[in-house]
Amino acid sequence: MPGIFAFAESRDGELRKSAHEVVTAARALADALGTEVHAVVLGASGQAAAGDLGQYGADKIFTGESGAFDRYSPEGFTTVIANFIKEHGCDAAVFPATALGKDLAPRVAARLGVEYLSDATALEASGGTISVTRPRYAGKVFGKTEVTARPAVVSIRPNVFQPAENAKAGEAQALNVDLGNADFGAVVKEIKAAASEKLDVSEAPIVISGGRGLQSPDNFKLLEELAEAFGGKAAVGASRAVVDAGWRPHGDQVGQTGKTVAPTLYIAVGISGAIQHLAGMRTSRFIVAINKDPEAPIFKVADYGIVGDLFQILPRMTEEVRKMMG
């Protein structure tokens, strides 16, 4: 039976949160088309992931546990996944719009000779036609595209499709992988990552971002204190201007040239709301803006706006959040 392909991303032997989101989105699409979800995991986490993905709606989990997949290989991953989709005749292929997913999905689409639709915020199917809703013009509008060609290759925006348990068989099968060194092209020998226990802004349910209104990099401690008050559920982000000034690392940047986020709660502090920043956060479920300028563009997309001095507002807010969190 043709199914919906779901790429379950893993890192260091563990599934990422995006894997559950992708399987949840694929499950909804499969139910509308009357088909199955075929999840694929490449890397050391394979067999251990099977039951977990089954809980979120995967009918079958195919695992490629070759040591060659412990690190991402653009050519190797593309070959295995494109071959899998062709062999199983999948109606659609769903990827996460993470850094890895955004690199891999268009490669797979190109290999299959089909269109690629990125950063989807909604997927629907009716009468055999798949519809994909995604932002256009830096998030100014949202457009719906009907995909008639098969397979439909899409990536979904992080945190938009909330993981939902929908237990299926979760039958695990080993993926037959027969690749030689030439199939991998460039090979990653080593990855050096900065040691950090902080949540990544692209995965955090709460993001508190600061802009030039904070006046100094030292004042980001106000945002750090507020994030800490949320009990480990919040990450601190930044606008491009702040990153360009060297106040925060690029990994914290939210916006068109940074990371796209869609948390449950987004708090913009001292950020005017340039279109490039809005493109990276306007799909957040609830947006709170704090700015002393009542005409700041950020207020046009905010659900709640506070006009005032952030240096007076943030300490009060942190105090109230601490009371609320107990």
Protein backbone atom coordinates (compact mmCIF):
# COMPACT_ATOMS: atom_id res chain seq x y z
CA MET A 1 0.00 0.00 0.00
CA PRO A 2 1.38 3.45 -0.92
CA GLY A 3 1.95 5.47 2.22
CA ILE A 4 3.02 8.84 3.54
CA PHE A 5 6.77 8.99 4.09
CA ALA A 6 7.86 10.69 7.34
CA PHE A 7 11.52 11.51 7.99
CA ALA A 8 12.28 11.12 11.70
CA GLU A 9 15.37 13.20 12.44
CA SER A 10 17.71 12.01 15.16
CA ARG A 11 20.85 13.36 16.75
CA ASP A 12 23.42 11.56 18.90
CA GLY A 13 21.28 8.43 18.97
CA GLU A 14 18.07 10.18 20.10
CA LEU A 15 15.01 11.32 18.20
CA ARG A 16 14.51 15.06 17.98
CA LYS A 17 11.21 16.67 18.91
CA SER A 18 10.63 17.39 15.23
CA ALA A 19 10.35 13.63 14.57
CA HIS A 20 7.11 13.45 16.58
CA GLU A 21 5.77 16.56 14.82
CA VAL A 22 6.52 15.10 11.37
CA VAL A 23 4.84 11.78 12.20
CA THR A 24 1.81 13.63 13.64
CA ALA A 25 1.47 15.69 10.43
CA ALA A 26 1.94 12.61 8.25
CA ARG A 27 -0.70 10.72 10.28
CA ALA A 28 -3.33 13.40 9.65
CA LEU A 29 -2.52 13.32 5.93
CA ALA A 30 -2.62 9.52 5.83
CA ASP A 31 -6.01 9.41 7.56
CA ALA A 32 -7.44 11.84 4.98
CA LEU A 33 -6.08 9.72 2.11
CA GLY A 34 -6.85 6.34 3.67
CA THR A 35 -3.27 5.15 3.70
CA GLU A 36 -0.38 4.39 6.10
CA VAL A 37 2.52 6.31 7.61
CA HIS A 38 5.96 4.93 6.83
CA ALA A 39 8.54 6.56 9.10
CA VAL A 40 12.25 6.26 8.38
CA VAL A 41 15.04 6.69 10.93
CA LEU A 42 18.67 6.74 9.81
CA GLY A 43 21.33 6.33 12.46
CA ALA A 44 21.99 4.59 15.75
CA SER A 45 18.60 5.34 17.29
CA GLY A 46 16.73 3.12 14.83
CA GLN A 47 15.27 0.16 16.71
CA ALA A 48 14.88 2.10 19.97
CA ALA A 49 12.75 4.67 18.13
CA ALA A 50 10.25 2.21 16.68
CA GLY A 51 7.81 2.02 19.59
CA ASP A 52 8.06 5.75 20.24
CA LEU A 53 7.07 6.70 16.68
CA GLY A 54 4.28 4.12 16.72
CA GLN A 55 2.70 6.02 19.60
CA TYR A 56 2.44 9.10 17.38
CA GLY A 57 0.85 7.36 14.40
CA ALA A 58 3.53 5.50 12.43
CA ASP A 59 2.21 2.22 11.02
CA LYS A 60 5.68 1.08 10.02
CA ILE A 61 9.11 2.28 11.07
CA PHE A 62 12.04 1.51 8.80
CA THR A 63 15.43 1.76 10.47
CA GLY A 64 18.81 2.15 8.80
CA GLU A 65 21.26 1.60 11.63
CA SER A 66 24.43 1.58 9.57
CA GLY A 67 27.29 3.44 11.22
CA ALA A 68 27.56 5.39 7.98
CA PHE A 69 24.41 7.30 9.00
CA ASP A 70 25.57 8.35 12.45
CA ARG A 71 26.46 11.69 10.88
CA TYR A 72 24.43 13.46 8.23
CA SER A 73 25.54 12.82 4.66
CA PRO A 74 23.62 14.87 2.06
CA GLU A 75 24.33 12.46 -0.79
CA GLY A 76 23.93 9.27 1.24
CA PHE A 77 20.69 10.32 2.94
CA THR A 78 19.23 11.59 -0.35
CA THR A 79 19.97 8.33 -2.16
CA VAL A 80 18.46 6.12 0.52
CA ILE A 81 15.32 8.23 1.00
CA ALA A 82 14.66 8.85 -2.72
CA ASN A 83 15.01 5.12 -3.40
CA PHE A 84 12.66 4.32 -0.49
CA ILE A 85 9.98 6.74 -1.72
CA LYS A 86 10.15 5.34 -5.28
CA GLU A 87 10.12 1.72 -4.11
CA HIS A 88 7.09 2.24 -1.83
CA GLY A 89 5.24 4.57 -4.20
CA CYS A 90 4.64 7.13 -1.45
CA ASP A 91 1.94 9.76 -2.06
CA ALA A 92 3.78 12.38 -0.01
CA ALA A 93 7.05 12.87 1.86
CA VAL A 94 7.08 14.99 5.02
CA PHE A 95 10.30 16.45 6.44
CA PRO A 96 10.97 18.86 9.33
CA ALA A 97 11.94 22.42 8.36
CA THR A 98 15.05 22.16 10.56
CA ALA A 99 18.54 22.96 9.32
CA LEU A 100 19.00 19.32 8.29
CA GLY A 101 15.49 19.00 6.86
CA LYS A 102 15.82 22.15 4.76
CA ASP A 103 19.02 20.76 3.25
CA LEU A 104 17.71 17.24 2.70
CA ALA A 105 14.12 17.73 1.47
CA PRO A 106 14.91 19.82 -1.66
CA ARG A 107 17.65 17.35 -2.60
CA VAL A 108 15.14 14.49 -2.42
CA ALA A 109 12.60 16.47 -4.45
CA ALA A 110 15.20 17.23 -7.11
CA ARG A 111 16.24 13.58 -7.27
CA LEU A 112 12.59 12.59 -7.75
CA GLY A 113 11.95 15.40 -10.25
CA VAL A 114 9.06 16.95 -8.31
CA GLU A 115 8.21 20.28 -6.69
CA TYR A 116 9.34 21.06 -3.13
CA LEU A 117 7.13 23.09 -0.78
CA SER A 118 8.95 24.40 2.28
CA ASP A 119 7.92 25.62 5.72
CA ALA A 120 4.32 24.36 5.62
CA THR A 121 1.99 25.54 8.38
CA ALA A 122 -0.98 23.33 7.35
CA LEU A 123 -1.51 20.14 5.33
CA GLU A 124 -4.86 18.98 4.00
CA ALA A 125 -6.11 16.28 1.64
CA SER A 126 -9.44 15.96 -0.14
CA GLY A 127 -10.44 13.87 -3.12
CA GLY A 128 -6.89 12.69 -3.58
CA THR A 129 -5.52 16.23 -3.79
CA ILE A 130 -3.02 17.44 -1.20
CA SER A 131 -3.11 21.12 -0.21
CA VAL A 132 -0.17 22.85 1.45
CA THR A 133 -0.44 26.20 3.26
CA ARG A 134 2.79 28.15 3.66
CA PRO A 135 3.99 31.74 4.20
CA ARG A 136 4.81 33.93 1.20
CA TYR A 137 6.63 37.26 0.81
CA ALA A 138 8.53 36.97 4.11
CA GLY A 139 5.37 35.96 5.96
CA LYS A 140 3.20 38.89 4.85
CA VAL A 141 0.58 36.49 3.49
CA PHE A 142 -0.18 32.77 3.54
CA GLY A 143 -0.91 30.90 0.33
CA LYS A 144 -2.48 27.51 -0.28
CA THR A 145 -1.04 25.33 -3.05
CA GLU A 146 -2.78 22.24 -4.44
CA VAL A 147 -0.32 19.47 -5.28
CA THR A 148 -1.49 16.98 -7.87
CA ALA A 149 1.88 15.46 -8.83
CA ARG A 150 3.19 12.59 -6.72
CA PRO A 151 4.95 12.46 -4.42
CA ALA A 152 4.24 15.78 -2.71
CA VAL A 153 7.50 16.73 -0.95
CA VAL A 154 7.03 19.19 1.93
CA SER A 155 8.80 20.38 5.05
CA ILE A 156 6.78 21.52 8.06
CA ARG A 157 7.55 24.52 10.26
CA PRO A 158 8.76 23.52 13.75
CA ASN A 159 6.27 23.81 16.64
CA VAL A 160 3.25 24.30 14.34
CA PHE A 161 2.11 20.66 14.24
CA GLN A 162 1.89 19.80 17.91
CA PRO A 163 2.82 16.13 18.61
CA ALA A 164 -0.35 14.12 19.24
CA GLU A 165 -0.46 10.52 20.37
CA ASN A 166 -2.34 8.26 17.96
CA ALA A 167 -1.09 4.75 18.67
CA LYS A 168 -0.56 2.48 15.68
CA ALA A 169 1.22 -0.82 15.21
CA GLY A 170 4.62 0.80 14.96
CA GLU A 171 5.97 -2.30 13.25
CA ALA A 172 9.76 -2.04 12.99
CA GLN A 173 11.62 -3.23 9.91
CA ALA A 174 15.30 -3.05 9.03
CA LEU A 175 16.01 -0.85 6.04
CA ASN A 176 18.11 -2.58 3.43
CA VAL A 177 20.93 -0.16 2.66
CA ASP A 178 23.51 -1.05 0.06
CA LEU A 179 25.72 1.96 -0.47
CA GLY A 180 29.42 2.27 -1.16
CA ASN A 181 31.78 5.07 -0.21
CA ALA A 182 31.19 6.77 -3.56
CA ASP A 183 27.48 7.17 -2.72
CA PHE A 184 28.27 9.42 0.24
CA GLY A 185 30.27 12.12 -1.53
CA ALA A 186 31.68 14.41 1.16
CA VAL A 187 31.93 12.75 4.56
CA VAL A 188 31.65 14.56 7.91
CA LYS A 189 34.59 13.53 10.08
CA GLU A 190 33.88 15.55 13.21
CA ILE A 191 31.28 17.92 14.62
CA LYS A 192 32.25 20.55 17.17
CA ALA A 193 29.33 22.11 18.96
CA ALA A 194 29.39 24.71 21.70
CA ALA A 195 28.54 23.13 25.02
CA SER A 196 25.19 24.42 26.21
CA GLU A 197 22.32 23.20 28.32
CA LYS A 198 20.02 25.95 27.08
CA LEU A 199 16.96 25.22 24.98
CA ASP A 200 17.28 25.96 21.27
CA VAL A 201 14.97 28.80 20.20
CA SER A 202 13.63 26.69 17.33
CA GLU A 203 12.37 24.00 19.72
CA ALA A 204 11.41 25.93 22.88
CA PRO A 205 7.68 26.31 23.70
CA ILE A 206 8.41 29.83 24.99
CA VAL A 207 10.80 32.28 23.32
CA ILE A 208 11.79 35.66 24.78
CA SER A 209 13.63 37.79 22.23
CA GLY A 210 15.44 41.06 22.73
CA GLY A 211 16.28 43.89 20.36
CA ARG A 212 18.24 47.14 20.39
CA GLY A 213 15.80 48.56 22.92
CA LEU A 214 17.77 46.69 25.58
CA GLN A 215 20.59 49.21 24.93
CA SER A 216 23.42 46.93 26.08
CA PRO A 217 24.35 43.22 25.93
CA ASP A 218 24.54 43.24 29.73
CA ASN A 219 20.81 43.94 29.90
CA PHE A 220 20.00 40.58 28.33
CA LYS A 221 20.31 39.26 31.88
CA LEU A 222 16.75 40.60 32.31
CA LEU A 223 15.57 38.23 29.58
CA GLU A 224 17.63 35.36 31.02
CA GLU A 225 16.00 35.87 34.42
CA LEU A 226 12.52 35.85 32.88
CA ALA A 227 13.35 32.69 30.91
CA GLU A 228 14.62 31.04 34.09
CA ALA A 229 11.38 31.95 35.87
CA PHE A 230 9.47 29.79 33.36
CA GLY A 231 11.23 26.73 34.79
CA GLY A 232 13.37 25.61 31.89
CA LYS A 233 10.63 25.97 29.27
CA ALA A 234 11.89 29.21 27.72
CA ALA A 235 14.76 30.16 25.42
CA VAL A 236 16.25 33.61 24.80
CA GLY A 237 16.34 34.89 21.22
CA ALA A 238 17.54 38.04 19.54
CA SER A 239 16.94 40.31 16.58
CA ARG A 240 19.39 40.56 13.71
CA ALA A 241 20.56 44.02 14.79
CA VAL A 242 21.56 42.63 18.18
CA VAL A 243 23.43 39.71 16.64
CA ASP A 244 25.19 41.95 14.11
CA ALA A 245 26.32 44.14 17.00
CA GLY A 246 27.90 41.11 18.64
CA TRP A 247 25.61 41.16 21.67
CA ARG A 248 24.31 37.59 21.14
CA PRO A 249 25.49 34.54 19.13
CA HIS A 250 23.99 33.88 15.70
CA GLY A 251 22.33 30.73 17.02
CA ASP A 252 19.95 32.98 19.00
CA GLN A 253 18.84 35.03 15.99
CA VAL A 254 15.15 34.88 15.08
CA GLY A 255 14.12 36.09 11.65
CA GLN A 256 14.42 35.64 7.92
CA THR A 257 18.21 35.26 8.06
CA GLY A 258 18.14 33.46 11.42
CA LYS A 259 15.83 30.78 12.79
CA THR A 260 12.13 30.43 12.17
CA VAL A 261 10.22 29.79 15.38
CA ALA A 262 6.58 29.04 16.20
CA PRO A 263 6.40 28.66 19.99
CA THR A 264 3.24 28.70 22.07
CA LEU A 265 4.35 32.05 23.53
CA TYR A 266 6.67 34.61 21.93
CA ILE A 267 7.69 37.70 23.91
CA ALA A 268 9.35 40.47 21.88
CA VAL A 269 11.23 42.93 24.07
CA GLY A 270 12.56 46.18 22.62
CA ILE A 271 12.06 44.91 19.07
CA SER A 272 10.49 47.31 16.58
CA GLY A 273 9.21 44.58 14.27
CA ALA A 274 11.02 44.83 10.93
CA ILE A 275 9.52 42.51 8.29
CA GLN A 276 12.64 40.32 8.37
CA HIS A 277 12.07 39.61 12.06
CA LEU A 278 8.32 39.09 11.66
CA ALA A 279 9.00 36.47 8.98
CA GLY A 280 10.67 34.31 11.60
CA MET A 281 8.08 34.48 14.40
CA ARG A 282 4.64 35.64 13.26
CA THR A 283 3.20 32.08 13.30
CA SER A 284 3.74 31.89 17.07
CA ARG A 285 0.50 30.98 18.83
CA PHE A 286 0.53 33.99 21.18
CA ILE A 287 2.71 37.09 20.71
CA VAL A 288 3.42 39.62 23.46
CA ALA A 289 5.24 42.84 22.52
CA ILE A 290 6.94 45.24 24.92
CA ASN A 291 8.05 48.54 23.41
CA LYS A 292 8.04 52.20 24.42
CA ASP A 293 6.98 53.26 20.90
CA PRO A 294 3.20 52.80 20.48
CA GLU A 295 3.65 52.98 16.68
CA ALA A 296 6.17 50.11 16.52
CA PRO A 297 5.21 47.63 13.74
CA ILE A 298 5.51 44.71 16.19
CA PHE A 299 2.18 45.72 17.74
CA LYS A 300 0.37 44.97 14.45
CA VAL A 301 1.06 41.23 14.86
CA ALA A 302 0.98 41.06 18.66
CA ASP A 303 -1.92 39.50 20.56
CA TYR A 304 -0.98 41.57 23.60
CA GLY A 305 1.00 44.80 23.63
CA ILE A 306 2.63 46.66 26.50
CA VAL A 307 3.71 50.25 25.84
CA GLY A 308 6.25 51.31 28.40
CA ASP A 309 9.78 51.13 29.79
CA LEU A 310 11.02 47.53 29.50
CA PHE A 311 13.45 48.11 32.38
CA GLN A 312 10.47 48.61 34.68
CA ILE A 313 8.21 46.02 33.05
CA LEU A 314 10.55 43.00 32.88
CA PRO A 315 11.39 42.78 36.61
CA ARG A 316 7.66 42.96 37.44
CA MET A 317 6.85 40.33 34.83
CA THR A 318 9.61 38.03 36.11
CA GLU A 319 8.30 38.37 39.65
CA GLU A 320 4.74 37.50 38.57
CA VAL A 321 5.89 34.51 36.50
CA ARG A 322 7.83 33.15 39.49
CA LYS A 323 4.68 33.40 41.62
CA MET A 324 2.65 31.70 38.91
CA MET A 325 5.15 28.87 38.49
CA GLY A 326 5.25 28.33 42.26
